[in-house]
N, C-alpha and C. Protein backbone atom coordinates (compact mmCIF):
# COMPACT_ATOMS: atom_id res chain seq x y z
N MET A 1 97.88 53.52 112.81
CA MET A 1 99.01 53.33 111.93
C MET A 1 100.04 52.40 112.58
N PHE A 2 100.28 52.61 113.87
CA PHE A 2 101.25 51.77 114.56
C PHE A 2 100.74 50.33 114.67
N ASP A 3 99.41 50.17 114.84
CA ASP A 3 98.82 48.82 114.92
C ASP A 3 99.03 48.05 113.64
N VAL A 4 99.00 48.74 112.53
CA VAL A 4 99.23 48.08 111.25
C VAL A 4 100.68 47.61 111.17
N PHE A 5 101.58 48.48 111.58
CA PHE A 5 103.01 48.12 111.59
C PHE A 5 103.25 46.94 112.50
N TRP A 6 102.62 46.96 113.67
CA TRP A 6 102.82 45.89 114.65
C TRP A 6 102.29 44.55 114.15
N SER A 7 101.18 44.59 113.45
CA SER A 7 100.61 43.34 112.96
C SER A 7 101.47 42.73 111.86
N HIS A 8 102.30 43.53 111.17
CA HIS A 8 103.19 43.00 110.15
C HIS A 8 104.42 42.32 110.75
N LEU A 9 104.72 42.59 111.98
CA LEU A 9 105.84 41.93 112.64
C LEU A 9 105.35 40.60 113.19
N LYS A 10 105.33 39.61 112.34
CA LYS A 10 104.77 38.32 112.73
C LYS A 10 105.78 37.44 113.46
N HIS A 11 107.04 37.63 113.14
CA HIS A 11 108.04 36.77 113.75
C HIS A 11 108.42 37.29 115.12
N THR A 12 108.60 36.39 116.05
CA THR A 12 108.94 36.75 117.42
C THR A 12 110.30 37.44 117.48
N LYS A 13 111.28 36.99 116.70
CA LYS A 13 112.61 37.59 116.72
C LYS A 13 112.55 39.04 116.25
N ALA A 14 111.78 39.29 115.22
CA ALA A 14 111.64 40.65 114.72
C ALA A 14 110.97 41.54 115.77
N LYS A 15 109.98 40.99 116.48
CA LYS A 15 109.33 41.76 117.53
C LYS A 15 110.31 42.09 118.65
N ARG A 16 111.15 41.11 119.01
CA ARG A 16 112.11 41.34 120.09
C ARG A 16 113.13 42.41 119.70
N ILE A 17 113.57 42.36 118.47
CA ILE A 17 114.52 43.39 117.99
C ILE A 17 113.87 44.75 118.03
N PHE A 18 112.63 44.82 117.55
CA PHE A 18 111.92 46.09 117.56
C PHE A 18 111.73 46.60 118.98
N LEU A 19 111.39 45.70 119.90
CA LEU A 19 111.19 46.11 121.29
C LEU A 19 112.49 46.57 121.93
N SER A 20 113.59 45.92 121.56
CA SER A 20 114.88 46.36 122.09
C SER A 20 115.19 47.77 121.63
N ILE A 21 114.94 48.04 120.36
CA ILE A 21 115.17 49.39 119.83
C ILE A 21 114.23 50.38 120.51
N LEU A 22 112.98 50.00 120.66
CA LEU A 22 112.01 50.86 121.32
C LEU A 22 112.41 51.14 122.76
N ARG A 23 112.88 50.12 123.47
CA ARG A 23 113.31 50.27 124.86
C ARG A 23 114.49 51.23 124.96
N ILE A 24 115.45 51.11 124.03
CA ILE A 24 116.62 51.98 124.05
C ILE A 24 116.23 53.42 123.75
N LEU A 25 115.39 53.59 122.73
CA LEU A 25 115.02 54.95 122.33
C LEU A 25 114.10 55.62 123.35
N SER A 26 113.20 54.87 123.90
CA SER A 26 112.23 55.50 124.82
C SER A 26 112.72 55.48 126.26
N GLY A 27 113.57 54.52 126.60
CA GLY A 27 114.03 54.41 127.98
C GLY A 27 112.92 53.94 128.90
N ASN A 28 111.87 53.37 128.35
CA ASN A 28 110.72 53.00 129.15
C ASN A 28 110.46 51.50 129.02
N GLN A 29 110.74 50.75 130.05
CA GLN A 29 110.53 49.31 130.05
C GLN A 29 109.04 48.98 129.99
N ARG A 30 108.22 49.76 130.65
CA ARG A 30 106.78 49.47 130.69
C ARG A 30 106.15 49.61 129.32
N LEU A 31 106.60 50.59 128.54
CA LEU A 31 106.07 50.76 127.19
C LEU A 31 106.42 49.55 126.33
N ALA A 32 107.66 49.08 126.46
CA ALA A 32 108.07 47.91 125.69
C ALA A 32 107.28 46.68 126.13
N ASN A 33 107.07 46.53 127.45
CA ASN A 33 106.29 45.39 127.94
C ASN A 33 104.84 45.46 127.47
N PHE A 34 104.30 46.68 127.38
CA PHE A 34 102.94 46.86 126.91
C PHE A 34 102.79 46.35 125.48
N TRP A 35 103.74 46.72 124.61
CA TRP A 35 103.67 46.29 123.22
C TRP A 35 103.94 44.80 123.07
N MET A 36 104.72 44.23 123.96
CA MET A 36 105.03 42.82 123.89
C MET A 36 103.87 41.98 124.42
N GLY A 37 103.07 42.58 125.25
CA GLY A 37 101.93 41.87 125.78
C GLY A 37 102.24 41.18 127.10
N THR A 38 103.34 41.53 127.74
CA THR A 38 103.66 40.95 129.03
C THR A 38 103.31 41.94 130.12
N SER A 39 103.20 41.44 131.32
CA SER A 39 102.82 42.34 132.42
C SER A 39 103.90 42.41 133.49
N GLN A 40 105.10 41.92 133.20
CA GLN A 40 106.17 41.95 134.19
C GLN A 40 106.68 43.37 134.36
N CYS A 41 106.85 43.78 135.60
CA CYS A 41 107.37 45.12 135.88
C CYS A 41 108.50 44.99 136.90
N GLY A 42 109.45 45.91 136.83
CA GLY A 42 110.54 45.92 137.78
C GLY A 42 111.69 45.02 137.36
N LEU A 43 112.72 44.99 138.22
CA LEU A 43 113.90 44.19 137.93
C LEU A 43 113.89 42.95 138.80
N GLY A 44 114.39 41.86 138.24
CA GLY A 44 114.51 40.63 139.01
C GLY A 44 115.81 40.60 139.77
N LEU A 45 115.89 39.72 140.72
CA LEU A 45 117.08 39.60 141.56
C LEU A 45 118.30 39.21 140.74
N ILE A 46 118.12 38.34 139.77
CA ILE A 46 119.25 37.91 138.94
C ILE A 46 119.80 39.08 138.13
N GLU A 47 118.94 39.90 137.59
CA GLU A 47 119.40 41.06 136.82
C GLU A 47 120.20 42.02 137.69
N ILE A 48 119.77 42.21 138.92
CA ILE A 48 120.49 43.09 139.83
C ILE A 48 121.85 42.49 140.18
N LEU A 49 121.90 41.18 140.43
CA LEU A 49 123.17 40.53 140.76
C LEU A 49 124.15 40.60 139.60
N ILE A 50 123.67 40.41 138.39
CA ILE A 50 124.55 40.50 137.22
C ILE A 50 125.07 41.92 137.07
N THR A 51 124.21 42.90 137.29
CA THR A 51 124.64 44.29 137.21
C THR A 51 125.72 44.60 138.25
N VAL A 52 125.53 44.13 139.47
CA VAL A 52 126.52 44.35 140.53
C VAL A 52 127.83 43.65 140.19
N LEU A 53 127.76 42.45 139.63
CA LEU A 53 128.95 41.72 139.23
C LEU A 53 129.73 42.47 138.15
N ILE A 54 129.05 42.94 137.14
CA ILE A 54 129.72 43.69 136.07
C ILE A 54 130.32 44.98 136.61
N LEU A 55 129.59 45.66 137.46
CA LEU A 55 130.10 46.89 138.06
C LEU A 55 131.32 46.61 138.94
N GLY A 56 131.29 45.51 139.69
CA GLY A 56 132.43 45.14 140.54
C GLY A 56 133.67 44.83 139.73
N ILE A 57 133.51 44.11 138.62
CA ILE A 57 134.65 43.80 137.76
C ILE A 57 135.24 45.09 137.18
N GLY A 58 134.40 46.01 136.79
CA GLY A 58 134.89 47.29 136.27
C GLY A 58 135.65 48.08 137.32
N ILE A 59 135.15 48.11 138.52
CA ILE A 59 135.82 48.85 139.60
C ILE A 59 137.16 48.20 139.94
N LEU A 60 137.23 46.87 139.94
CA LEU A 60 138.50 46.19 140.18
C LEU A 60 139.52 46.51 139.09
N GLY A 61 139.07 46.61 137.86
CA GLY A 61 139.97 46.98 136.77
C GLY A 61 140.54 48.38 136.96
N VAL A 62 139.70 49.31 137.33
CA VAL A 62 140.16 50.68 137.57
C VAL A 62 141.13 50.73 138.75
N ALA A 63 140.84 49.97 139.80
CA ALA A 63 141.71 49.96 140.99
C ALA A 63 143.09 49.37 140.65
N SER A 64 143.13 48.30 139.87
CA SER A 64 144.43 47.71 139.52
C SER A 64 145.23 48.66 138.63
N THR A 65 144.56 49.38 137.76
CA THR A 65 145.26 50.38 136.95
C THR A 65 145.84 51.47 137.82
N GLN A 66 145.12 51.88 138.84
CA GLN A 66 145.61 52.91 139.76
C GLN A 66 146.83 52.43 140.52
N VAL A 67 146.84 51.17 140.95
CA VAL A 67 147.98 50.61 141.69
C VAL A 67 149.23 50.58 140.81
N VAL A 68 149.08 50.12 139.58
CA VAL A 68 150.22 50.07 138.66
C VAL A 68 150.73 51.48 138.37
N SER A 69 149.83 52.42 138.20
CA SER A 69 150.22 53.81 137.96
C SER A 69 151.01 54.37 139.14
N LEU A 70 150.60 54.06 140.34
CA LEU A 70 151.30 54.53 141.54
C LEU A 70 152.69 53.93 141.63
N GLN A 71 152.83 52.64 141.30
CA GLN A 71 154.14 51.99 141.32
C GLN A 71 155.08 52.62 140.29
N MET A 72 154.57 52.87 139.11
CA MET A 72 155.40 53.47 138.06
C MET A 72 155.82 54.89 138.44
N ASN A 73 154.93 55.61 139.09
CA ASN A 73 155.24 56.97 139.53
C ASN A 73 156.35 56.95 140.58
N THR A 74 156.31 55.99 141.50
CA THR A 74 157.34 55.87 142.53
C THR A 74 158.68 55.52 141.92
N GLN A 75 158.70 54.59 140.96
CA GLN A 75 159.95 54.23 140.29
C GLN A 75 160.52 55.41 139.53
N SER A 76 159.67 56.17 138.89
CA SER A 76 160.13 57.35 138.15
C SER A 76 160.72 58.40 139.09
N GLN A 77 160.08 58.58 140.24
CA GLN A 77 160.59 59.55 141.21
C GLN A 77 161.96 59.12 141.74
N SER A 78 162.13 57.84 142.04
CA SER A 78 163.42 57.35 142.53
C SER A 78 164.51 57.48 141.47
N ARG A 79 164.17 57.20 140.21
CA ARG A 79 165.13 57.34 139.13
C ARG A 79 165.56 58.80 138.96
N SER A 80 164.62 59.69 139.02
CA SER A 80 164.95 61.12 138.93
C SER A 80 165.82 61.55 140.10
N GLN A 81 165.52 61.04 141.28
CA GLN A 81 166.31 61.36 142.46
C GLN A 81 167.75 60.87 142.30
N ALA A 82 167.93 59.68 141.72
CA ALA A 82 169.27 59.14 141.50
C ALA A 82 170.06 60.00 140.52
N VAL A 83 169.42 60.45 139.46
CA VAL A 83 170.10 61.32 138.49
C VAL A 83 170.48 62.65 139.13
N LEU A 84 169.58 63.21 139.93
CA LEU A 84 169.88 64.47 140.61
C LEU A 84 171.03 64.31 141.61
N LEU A 85 171.10 63.17 142.29
CA LEU A 85 172.21 62.94 143.22
C LEU A 85 173.53 62.79 142.48
N ALA A 86 173.51 62.14 141.32
CA ALA A 86 174.74 62.03 140.52
C ALA A 86 175.19 63.41 140.05
N GLU A 87 174.25 64.22 139.60
CA GLU A 87 174.60 65.58 139.18
C GLU A 87 175.12 66.42 140.35
N ASP A 88 174.59 66.18 141.54
CA ASP A 88 175.07 66.87 142.73
C ASP A 88 176.55 66.54 142.99
N LEU A 89 176.91 65.26 142.85
CA LEU A 89 178.30 64.88 143.05
C LEU A 89 179.19 65.49 141.97
N PHE A 90 178.71 65.52 140.74
CA PHE A 90 179.49 66.15 139.66
C PHE A 90 179.74 67.63 139.97
N ASP A 91 178.73 68.31 140.48
CA ASP A 91 178.91 69.72 140.85
C ASP A 91 179.92 69.88 141.98
N ARG A 92 179.90 68.97 142.93
CA ARG A 92 180.88 69.02 144.02
C ARG A 92 182.30 68.82 143.48
N ILE A 93 182.46 67.90 142.53
CA ILE A 93 183.79 67.66 141.95
C ILE A 93 184.23 68.87 141.14
N ARG A 94 183.33 69.48 140.40
CA ARG A 94 183.67 70.68 139.61
C ARG A 94 184.07 71.84 140.52
N ALA A 95 183.46 71.91 141.70
CA ALA A 95 183.80 72.98 142.64
C ALA A 95 185.17 72.76 143.29
N ASN A 96 185.67 71.54 143.26
CA ASN A 96 186.96 71.21 143.84
C ASN A 96 187.80 70.49 142.76
N PRO A 97 188.21 71.19 141.71
CA PRO A 97 188.82 70.54 140.54
C PRO A 97 190.26 70.07 140.77
N ASP A 98 190.90 70.47 141.85
CA ASP A 98 192.30 70.09 142.07
C ASP A 98 192.46 68.62 142.45
N THR A 99 191.45 68.03 143.06
CA THR A 99 191.58 66.65 143.55
C THR A 99 190.41 65.77 143.12
N PRO A 100 190.19 65.57 141.83
CA PRO A 100 189.04 64.74 141.43
C PRO A 100 189.20 63.27 141.81
N ASN A 101 190.44 62.78 141.91
CA ASN A 101 190.64 61.37 142.27
C ASN A 101 190.23 61.06 143.71
N ASP A 102 190.15 62.09 144.57
CA ASP A 102 189.72 61.88 145.95
C ASP A 102 188.24 61.50 146.05
N TYR A 103 187.50 61.69 144.96
CA TYR A 103 186.06 61.39 144.96
C TYR A 103 185.76 59.97 144.51
N ALA A 104 186.77 59.21 144.10
CA ALA A 104 186.54 57.84 143.64
C ALA A 104 186.08 56.96 144.81
N LEU A 105 185.04 56.19 144.58
CA LEU A 105 184.49 55.28 145.59
C LEU A 105 184.27 53.91 144.96
N ALA A 106 184.69 52.88 145.63
CA ALA A 106 184.45 51.52 145.15
C ALA A 106 182.97 51.18 145.31
N GLN A 107 182.54 50.16 144.60
CA GLN A 107 181.15 49.72 144.71
C GLN A 107 180.86 49.32 146.15
N GLY A 108 179.77 49.85 146.71
CA GLY A 108 179.41 49.52 148.08
C GLY A 108 178.13 50.21 148.49
N ASP A 109 177.69 49.91 149.70
CA ASP A 109 176.48 50.52 150.22
C ASP A 109 176.73 51.98 150.57
N ALA A 110 175.71 52.79 150.35
CA ALA A 110 175.79 54.20 150.75
C ALA A 110 175.81 54.26 152.27
N GLN A 111 176.79 54.93 152.82
CA GLN A 111 176.94 55.02 154.27
C GLN A 111 176.46 56.37 154.77
N GLY A 112 175.26 56.38 155.33
CA GLY A 112 174.76 57.60 155.93
C GLY A 112 175.47 57.86 157.25
N ALA A 113 175.28 59.03 157.80
CA ALA A 113 175.99 59.44 159.00
C ALA A 113 175.44 58.78 160.26
N ASN A 114 174.25 58.24 160.21
CA ASN A 114 173.60 57.65 161.38
C ASN A 114 173.82 56.14 161.37
N ASN A 115 175.06 55.70 161.64
CA ASN A 115 175.42 54.28 161.62
C ASN A 115 175.03 53.61 160.31
N GLY A 116 175.29 54.28 159.23
CA GLY A 116 174.97 53.74 157.91
C GLY A 116 173.60 54.14 157.41
N GLY A 117 172.78 54.72 158.26
CA GLY A 117 171.43 55.15 157.87
C GLY A 117 171.38 56.64 157.64
N CYS A 118 170.22 57.12 157.42
CA CYS A 118 170.00 58.54 157.14
C CYS A 118 170.08 59.38 158.41
N ALA A 119 170.84 60.46 158.36
CA ALA A 119 170.90 61.42 159.46
C ALA A 119 170.40 62.76 158.93
N THR A 120 169.24 63.18 159.38
CA THR A 120 168.64 64.40 158.83
C THR A 120 169.35 65.67 159.30
N SER A 121 170.05 65.62 160.41
CA SER A 121 170.77 66.81 160.89
C SER A 121 172.28 66.61 160.75
N PHE A 122 172.69 66.08 159.61
CA PHE A 122 174.08 65.73 159.37
C PHE A 122 174.91 66.97 159.06
N VAL A 123 176.08 67.08 159.72
CA VAL A 123 177.05 68.14 159.44
C VAL A 123 178.41 67.46 159.28
N PRO A 124 178.99 67.51 158.07
CA PRO A 124 180.29 66.83 157.87
C PRO A 124 181.40 67.55 158.64
N ALA A 125 182.33 66.78 159.18
CA ALA A 125 183.45 67.35 159.94
C ALA A 125 184.72 66.56 159.63
N ASN A 126 185.09 66.50 158.36
CA ASN A 126 186.29 65.77 157.95
C ASN A 126 187.42 66.75 157.65
N ALA A 127 188.58 66.21 157.37
CA ALA A 127 189.76 67.03 157.18
C ALA A 127 189.81 67.71 155.81
N THR A 128 189.22 67.10 154.79
CA THR A 128 189.32 67.68 153.45
C THR A 128 187.94 67.99 152.88
N VAL A 129 187.96 68.86 151.89
CA VAL A 129 186.70 69.22 151.22
C VAL A 129 186.11 68.00 150.52
N ALA A 130 186.95 67.21 149.87
CA ALA A 130 186.47 66.02 149.16
C ALA A 130 185.84 65.03 150.14
N ALA A 131 186.43 64.82 151.30
CA ALA A 131 185.88 63.90 152.29
C ALA A 131 184.54 64.40 152.82
N ASN A 132 184.44 65.72 153.04
CA ASN A 132 183.17 66.31 153.47
C ASN A 132 182.10 66.15 152.39
N ASP A 133 182.50 66.38 151.13
CA ASP A 133 181.55 66.25 150.02
C ASP A 133 181.03 64.82 149.90
N ILE A 134 181.95 63.86 150.01
CA ILE A 134 181.54 62.46 149.90
C ILE A 134 180.64 62.07 151.07
N ALA A 135 180.98 62.49 152.26
CA ALA A 135 180.16 62.15 153.44
C ALA A 135 178.76 62.75 153.31
N ALA A 136 178.67 64.01 152.89
CA ALA A 136 177.36 64.65 152.73
C ALA A 136 176.56 63.99 151.60
N TRP A 137 177.25 63.66 150.49
CA TRP A 137 176.57 63.05 149.35
C TRP A 137 176.06 61.65 149.71
N GLU A 138 176.88 60.86 150.41
CA GLU A 138 176.45 59.52 150.80
C GLU A 138 175.29 59.57 151.80
N ASN A 139 175.30 60.55 152.68
CA ASN A 139 174.18 60.69 153.60
C ASN A 139 172.90 61.02 152.83
N SER A 140 172.99 61.90 151.85
CA SER A 140 171.82 62.22 151.01
C SER A 140 171.34 60.99 150.26
N LEU A 141 172.29 60.21 149.76
CA LEU A 141 171.95 58.99 149.05
C LEU A 141 171.22 58.01 149.97
N ALA A 142 171.71 57.86 151.20
CA ALA A 142 171.07 56.96 152.16
C ALA A 142 169.69 57.47 152.56
N CYS A 143 169.50 58.78 152.58
CA CYS A 143 168.21 59.35 152.98
C CYS A 143 167.16 59.24 151.88
N LEU A 144 167.60 59.38 150.63
CA LEU A 144 166.63 59.52 149.54
C LEU A 144 166.32 58.23 148.78
N LEU A 145 167.22 57.27 148.80
CA LEU A 145 166.98 56.03 148.05
C LEU A 145 167.11 54.82 148.99
N PRO A 146 166.13 53.93 148.98
CA PRO A 146 166.17 52.78 149.89
C PRO A 146 167.26 51.78 149.50
N GLU A 147 168.06 51.39 150.48
CA GLU A 147 169.11 50.39 150.30
C GLU A 147 170.00 50.71 149.10
N ALA A 148 170.47 51.94 149.04
CA ALA A 148 171.26 52.40 147.90
C ALA A 148 172.68 51.84 147.93
N THR A 149 173.18 51.53 146.73
CA THR A 149 174.59 51.21 146.54
C THR A 149 175.13 52.19 145.52
N ARG A 150 176.45 52.46 145.62
CA ARG A 150 177.04 53.46 144.73
C ARG A 150 178.44 53.04 144.33
N ALA A 151 178.88 53.60 143.21
CA ALA A 151 180.27 53.46 142.76
C ALA A 151 180.60 54.73 142.00
N VAL A 152 181.77 55.27 142.27
CA VAL A 152 182.24 56.47 141.57
C VAL A 152 183.62 56.14 141.04
N THR A 153 183.77 56.23 139.73
CA THR A 153 185.08 56.00 139.12
C THR A 153 185.55 57.27 138.45
N VAL A 154 186.84 57.55 138.62
CA VAL A 154 187.46 58.73 138.00
C VAL A 154 188.56 58.21 137.09
N ASN A 155 188.45 58.51 135.81
CA ASN A 155 189.42 58.09 134.83
C ASN A 155 189.89 59.34 134.08
N GLY A 156 190.95 59.94 134.58
CA GLY A 156 191.41 61.22 134.00
C GLY A 156 190.42 62.31 134.36
N ASN A 157 189.80 62.89 133.32
CA ASN A 157 188.80 63.92 133.60
C ASN A 157 187.38 63.41 133.33
N VAL A 158 187.20 62.10 133.22
CA VAL A 158 185.88 61.49 133.04
C VAL A 158 185.46 60.83 134.36
N VAL A 159 184.30 61.25 134.85
CA VAL A 159 183.78 60.72 136.11
C VAL A 159 182.49 59.96 135.80
N THR A 160 182.39 58.73 136.34
CA THR A 160 181.19 57.90 136.15
C THR A 160 180.61 57.58 137.52
N VAL A 161 179.34 57.87 137.69
CA VAL A 161 178.62 57.57 138.93
C VAL A 161 177.57 56.51 138.63
N THR A 162 177.61 55.42 139.38
CA THR A 162 176.63 54.34 139.25
C THR A 162 175.86 54.25 140.56
N ILE A 163 174.55 54.35 140.47
CA ILE A 163 173.69 54.29 141.66
C ILE A 163 172.63 53.22 141.44
N ASP A 164 172.51 52.33 142.41
CA ASP A 164 171.47 51.31 142.37
C ASP A 164 170.76 51.33 143.72
N TRP A 165 169.55 50.86 143.77
CA TRP A 165 168.77 50.85 145.00
C TRP A 165 167.72 49.75 144.89
N ASP A 166 166.99 49.53 145.96
CA ASP A 166 165.94 48.52 145.99
C ASP A 166 164.77 49.03 145.15
N GLN A 167 164.68 48.52 143.92
CA GLN A 167 163.66 49.02 142.98
C GLN A 167 162.43 48.13 142.91
N ASN A 168 162.40 47.03 143.66
CA ASN A 168 161.29 46.09 143.66
C ASN A 168 160.98 45.54 142.27
N ASP A 169 161.98 45.55 141.40
CA ASP A 169 161.81 45.03 140.04
C ASP A 169 163.17 44.56 139.55
N ALA A 170 163.31 43.28 139.34
CA ALA A 170 164.61 42.72 138.94
C ALA A 170 165.05 43.17 137.56
N ASN A 171 164.12 43.64 136.73
CA ASN A 171 164.46 44.05 135.36
C ASN A 171 164.97 45.48 135.26
N MET A 172 164.88 46.24 136.34
CA MET A 172 165.31 47.64 136.30
C MET A 172 166.83 47.72 136.43
N ASN A 173 167.43 48.57 135.62
CA ASN A 173 168.88 48.76 135.63
C ASN A 173 169.26 49.90 136.57
N PRO A 174 170.49 49.87 137.08
CA PRO A 174 170.93 51.01 137.90
C PRO A 174 171.12 52.25 137.03
N VAL A 175 171.17 53.39 137.70
CA VAL A 175 171.41 54.65 137.00
C VAL A 175 172.91 54.82 136.85
N VAL A 176 173.37 55.03 135.62
CA VAL A 176 174.78 55.27 135.35
C VAL A 176 174.88 56.61 134.65
N VAL A 177 175.58 57.55 135.27
CA VAL A 177 175.73 58.89 134.70
C VAL A 177 177.24 59.16 134.54
N ARG A 178 177.61 59.63 133.38
CA ARG A 178 179.01 59.88 133.08
C ARG A 178 179.16 61.33 132.58
N THR A 179 180.22 61.99 133.03
CA THR A 179 180.47 63.36 132.57
C THR A 179 181.97 63.60 132.49
N GLN A 180 182.28 64.63 131.78
CA GLN A 180 183.69 65.05 131.68
C GLN A 180 183.85 66.32 132.49
N ILE A 181 184.83 66.29 133.39
CA ILE A 181 185.08 67.44 134.28
C ILE A 181 186.07 68.39 133.61
């Protein structure tokens, strides 16, 4: 019965299409070669090289996606850290409501306790609570965000904290958080 069907496939293109379908369904290259009348077995060097090339391009695509994902995750973590630091300063101001104007800071680099850098064993020793709060907050800022700059403005009972850092992306905006005390 199959021989009758095969003899009706007179055109070479139709035979090739049929063999492709047969190869896919059976998963057997030798069976397809048998029906085609060829005796070639195994894979050629060119087929292996093309397969390796396609596989390599796919792996490079996955790797580049992973790199971009890691960069976005780092930016998101830094942004969250900046918001948490702004909220920390707001809490410090709320805890010391008598002198909110003492927390105002002009735009400038965050000054950590270790000559402008991060000091992990920092203990503030200033004369006022506000000065201690600012020193501790700036040290945290220097420790958690690379090359951080900050500005704190107090306008009546509205406090605005602006934090910027080295984000490795010129299109990223600084974090600006505003609250009413």
